[in-house]
Protein backbone atom coordinates (compact mmCIF):
# COMPACT_ATOMS: atom_id res chain seq x y z
CA MET A 1 13.35 -13.01 7.31
CA LYS A 2 12.39 -13.53 3.67
CA THR A 3 9.64 -12.12 1.52
CA ILE A 4 8.52 -14.03 -1.60
CA PHE A 5 6.77 -12.24 -4.46
CA ARG A 6 5.27 -13.79 -7.57
CA TRP A 7 6.08 -11.90 -10.76
CA PRO A 8 4.65 -9.62 -12.13
CA LYS A 9 3.87 -8.34 -8.63
CA THR A 10 6.78 -6.11 -7.70
CA PRO A 11 7.87 -5.51 -4.14
CA ALA A 12 8.76 -2.12 -2.74
CA LEU A 13 12.44 -1.41 -2.20
CA PRO A 14 13.35 -3.52 0.85
CA ALA A 15 15.07 -2.23 3.96
CA PRO A 16 18.84 -2.84 4.07
CA GLY A 17 19.62 -6.41 5.14
CA ARG A 18 16.15 -7.73 4.24
CA PRO A 19 16.19 -10.35 1.47
CA VAL A 20 13.54 -10.37 -1.23
CA LEU A 21 12.76 -13.39 -3.41
CA LEU A 22 10.99 -13.03 -6.73
CA ARG A 23 9.46 -16.12 -8.39
CA VAL A 24 9.22 -15.59 -12.14
CA PRO A 25 7.46 -17.94 -14.59
CA THR A 26 9.83 -18.67 -17.48
CA PRO A 27 9.98 -20.90 -20.52
CA SER A 28 11.52 -24.31 -19.83
CA ALA A 29 14.37 -23.80 -22.33
CA ARG A 30 17.40 -22.51 -20.40
CA VAL A 31 18.38 -19.72 -22.82
CA ALA A 32 14.83 -18.32 -22.95
CA ALA A 33 14.50 -18.67 -19.17
CA ARG A 34 17.73 -16.72 -18.62
CA ARG A 35 16.50 -13.96 -20.93
CA GLU A 36 13.08 -13.78 -19.22
CA LEU A 37 14.56 -13.72 -15.72
CA ARG A 38 17.00 -10.95 -16.59
CA ALA A 39 14.18 -8.91 -18.19
CA ALA A 40 12.14 -9.22 -14.97
CA LEU A 41 15.20 -8.20 -12.92
CA ARG A 42 15.74 -5.12 -15.08
CA ARG A 43 12.08 -4.08 -14.83
CA LEU A 44 12.11 -4.47 -11.04
CA LEU A 45 15.35 -2.49 -10.67
CA ALA A 46 14.01 0.19 -13.01
CA ASP A 47 10.96 0.51 -10.73
CA TRP A 48 13.18 0.78 -7.66
CA THR A 49 15.50 3.39 -9.16
CA GLY A 50 13.27 5.38 -11.49
CA CYS A 51 15.84 4.77 -14.26
CA SER A 52 15.16 3.15 -17.58
CA ALA A 53 16.21 -0.51 -17.88
CA GLU A 54 19.01 0.59 -20.23
CA GLN A 55 20.45 3.10 -17.72
CA LEU A 56 20.81 0.68 -14.83
CA PRO A 57 24.32 -0.01 -13.47
CA LEU A 58 23.71 -3.73 -14.03
CA HIS A 59 26.41 -5.78 -15.73
CA GLU A 60 26.68 -9.42 -16.69
CA THR A 61 29.52 -11.37 -15.06
CA ALA A 62 30.56 -15.02 -15.15
CA ARG A 63 28.35 -15.56 -12.08
CA GLY A 64 25.37 -13.64 -13.46
CA PRO A 65 24.08 -10.07 -13.19
CA ALA A 66 25.94 -7.73 -10.83
CA TRP A 67 24.88 -4.30 -9.62
CA THR A 68 27.71 -1.77 -9.67
CA GLY A 69 26.98 1.18 -7.43
CA PRO A 70 24.70 2.08 -4.58
CA LEU A 71 20.95 1.60 -4.53
CA ALA A 72 19.36 4.18 -2.24
CA GLY A 73 22.67 4.49 -0.40
CA PHE A 74 23.50 0.77 -0.07
CA SER A 75 25.10 -1.99 -2.12
CA LEU A 76 22.85 -4.53 -3.85
CA ASP A 77 23.62 -8.22 -4.24
CA ILE A 78 21.78 -10.48 -6.68
CA SER A 79 21.52 -14.26 -6.93
CA LEU A 80 19.60 -16.25 -9.55
CA SER A 81 18.42 -19.83 -9.76
CA TYR A 82 16.25 -21.87 -12.11
CA ALA A 83 13.85 -24.79 -11.86
CA GLU A 84 11.91 -26.13 -14.82
CA GLY A 85 9.46 -23.46 -15.94
CA GLU A 86 10.48 -20.79 -13.45
CA GLY A 87 13.35 -18.68 -12.26
CA TRP A 88 14.10 -17.13 -8.89
CA ILE A 89 15.74 -13.82 -8.15
CA GLY A 90 17.23 -13.21 -4.71
CA LEU A 91 18.05 -9.60 -3.81
CA ILE A 92 19.49 -7.96 -0.71
CA ARG A 93 20.73 -4.44 -0.01
CA ALA A 94 23.72 -3.99 2.31
CA GLY A 95 24.56 -7.69 2.31
CA SER A 96 25.30 -10.80 0.29
CA ILE A 97 22.82 -13.41 -0.92
CA GLY A 98 22.83 -16.88 -2.43
CA ILE A 99 19.72 -18.73 -3.58
CA ASP A 100 19.24 -22.14 -5.11
CA VAL A 101 16.08 -24.01 -6.08
CA MET A 102 15.47 -27.61 -7.10
CA ARG A 103 12.49 -29.90 -7.61
CA VAL A 104 12.34 -32.93 -5.35
CA GLN A 105 12.53 -35.82 -7.78
CA PRO A 106 14.48 -39.02 -8.34
CA ILE A 107 17.96 -38.41 -9.76
CA PRO A 108 19.45 -41.53 -11.39
CA GLU A 109 23.05 -40.47 -10.69
CA VAL A 110 22.37 -39.30 -7.12
CA GLU A 111 25.11 -41.43 -5.55
CA SER A 112 27.87 -40.31 -7.90
CA LEU A 113 26.78 -36.64 -7.73
CA THR A 114 26.62 -36.71 -3.95
CA ARG A 115 29.98 -38.40 -3.50
CA LEU A 116 31.63 -36.11 -6.06
CA TYR A 117 30.27 -32.76 -4.82
CA LEU A 118 28.90 -33.25 -1.30
CA GLY A 119 31.14 -35.96 0.13
CA PRO A 120 30.78 -39.45 1.57
CA ALA A 121 29.19 -38.41 4.88
CA VAL A 122 26.36 -36.65 3.06
CA TRP A 123 25.91 -39.69 0.82
CA GLU A 124 25.51 -41.89 3.91
CA THR A 125 22.85 -39.52 5.28
CA ILE A 126 20.97 -39.56 1.97
CA ARG A 127 21.32 -43.32 1.52
CA ASN A 128 19.94 -43.98 5.01
CA SER A 129 17.15 -41.42 4.75
CA ARG A 130 13.50 -42.35 4.63
CA TYR A 131 13.14 -39.61 1.95
CA PRO A 132 16.37 -39.71 -0.09
CA ASP A 133 15.10 -37.50 -2.94
CA LEU A 134 14.16 -34.75 -0.49
CA ARG A 135 17.39 -35.17 1.53
CA PHE A 136 19.46 -34.82 -1.69
CA ALA A 137 17.54 -31.72 -2.80
CA LEU A 138 18.07 -30.10 0.62
CA ALA A 139 21.80 -30.91 0.67
CA TRP A 140 22.36 -29.81 -2.94
CA THR A 141 20.51 -26.50 -2.64
CA ASP A 142 22.26 -25.73 0.67
CA MET A 143 25.63 -26.27 -1.01
CA GLU A 144 24.72 -24.18 -4.07
CA ALA A 145 23.26 -21.30 -2.04
CA GLY A 146 26.43 -21.24 0.09
CA LEU A 147 28.65 -21.20 -2.99
CA LYS A 148 26.61 -18.40 -4.55
CA LEU A 149 26.74 -16.41 -1.31
CA SER A 150 30.53 -16.80 -1.21
CA LYS A 151 30.84 -16.13 -4.98
CA GLN A 152 32.57 -19.49 -5.50
CA PRO A 153 32.17 -21.88 -8.43
CA LEU A 154 30.92 -25.45 -8.15
CA ARG A 155 33.81 -27.78 -7.44
CA GLU A 156 34.41 -31.36 -6.41
CA PHE A 157 34.32 -32.19 -2.72
CA SER A 158 37.42 -32.65 -0.64
CA GLU A 159 37.85 -32.28 3.11
CA GLY A 160 39.99 -29.18 2.55
CA THR A 161 37.62 -27.41 0.16
CA ALA A 162 34.25 -27.80 1.85
CA THR A 163 32.12 -24.69 1.42
CA HIS A 164 32.62 -22.16 4.17
CA ALA A 165 29.99 -19.48 3.78
CA GLY A 166 31.19 -17.82 6.96
CA LYS A 167 28.71 -16.33 9.37
CA CYS A 168 25.42 -16.26 7.52
CA ALA A 169 21.71 -16.69 8.01
CA SER A 170 20.25 -19.57 6.06
CA GLN A 171 16.73 -20.80 5.49
CA ARG A 172 15.20 -23.68 3.60
CA PHE A 173 11.69 -23.93 2.25
CA LEU A 174 9.75 -26.83 0.78
CA LEU A 175 6.89 -25.47 -1.29
CA PRO A 176 3.68 -27.49 -1.84
CA ASP A 177 4.62 -28.04 -5.51
CA GLY A 178 7.75 -30.01 -4.50
CA LEU A 179 10.26 -27.19 -4.90
CA VAL A 180 13.08 -26.85 -2.37
CA ILE A 181 14.58 -23.41 -1.87
CA ALA A 182 17.78 -22.67 0.03
CA LEU A 183 18.55 -19.06 0.92
CA ALA A 184 21.82 -17.90 2.47
CA CYS A 185 22.43 -14.27 3.49
CA ARG A 186 24.95 -12.16 5.36
């Protein structure tokens, strides 16, 4: 379902409905990483369209870059995520996409974060897990990818506001370097 490319290798324009993930090395500082990731996105889209990076119908929104117009006859959806020292770009034509990445590592405030954003049932699962750091990373990235897919902001958990991504395809990956990736598409 997914295709992962490592920047600066650029994929060909994907078929409609086929997600593409681009892993881009970035500086660790968030501002510099955002700038580097957006530059890679513009270069890739310029390759796909034959336009200059300045001519692209790409605009910054509160949720990140948004493509306004068709790309080879179809809409284009974009989702970005960051982990220390790298950024990820998720792209899909004729669909919606949400991607989130996170390193598996101990989080001192894991209980309060989980209860606040994921709910008590998820906390119980994490607390009783043999691998709580991994279980938290999987739950967190799933939630974030679903929110990005649905174009919703992060918000505190309540039974009435649980994320409903609707009918979507989702995948999770654990890379050998300890990075968890959640991908949601429709």
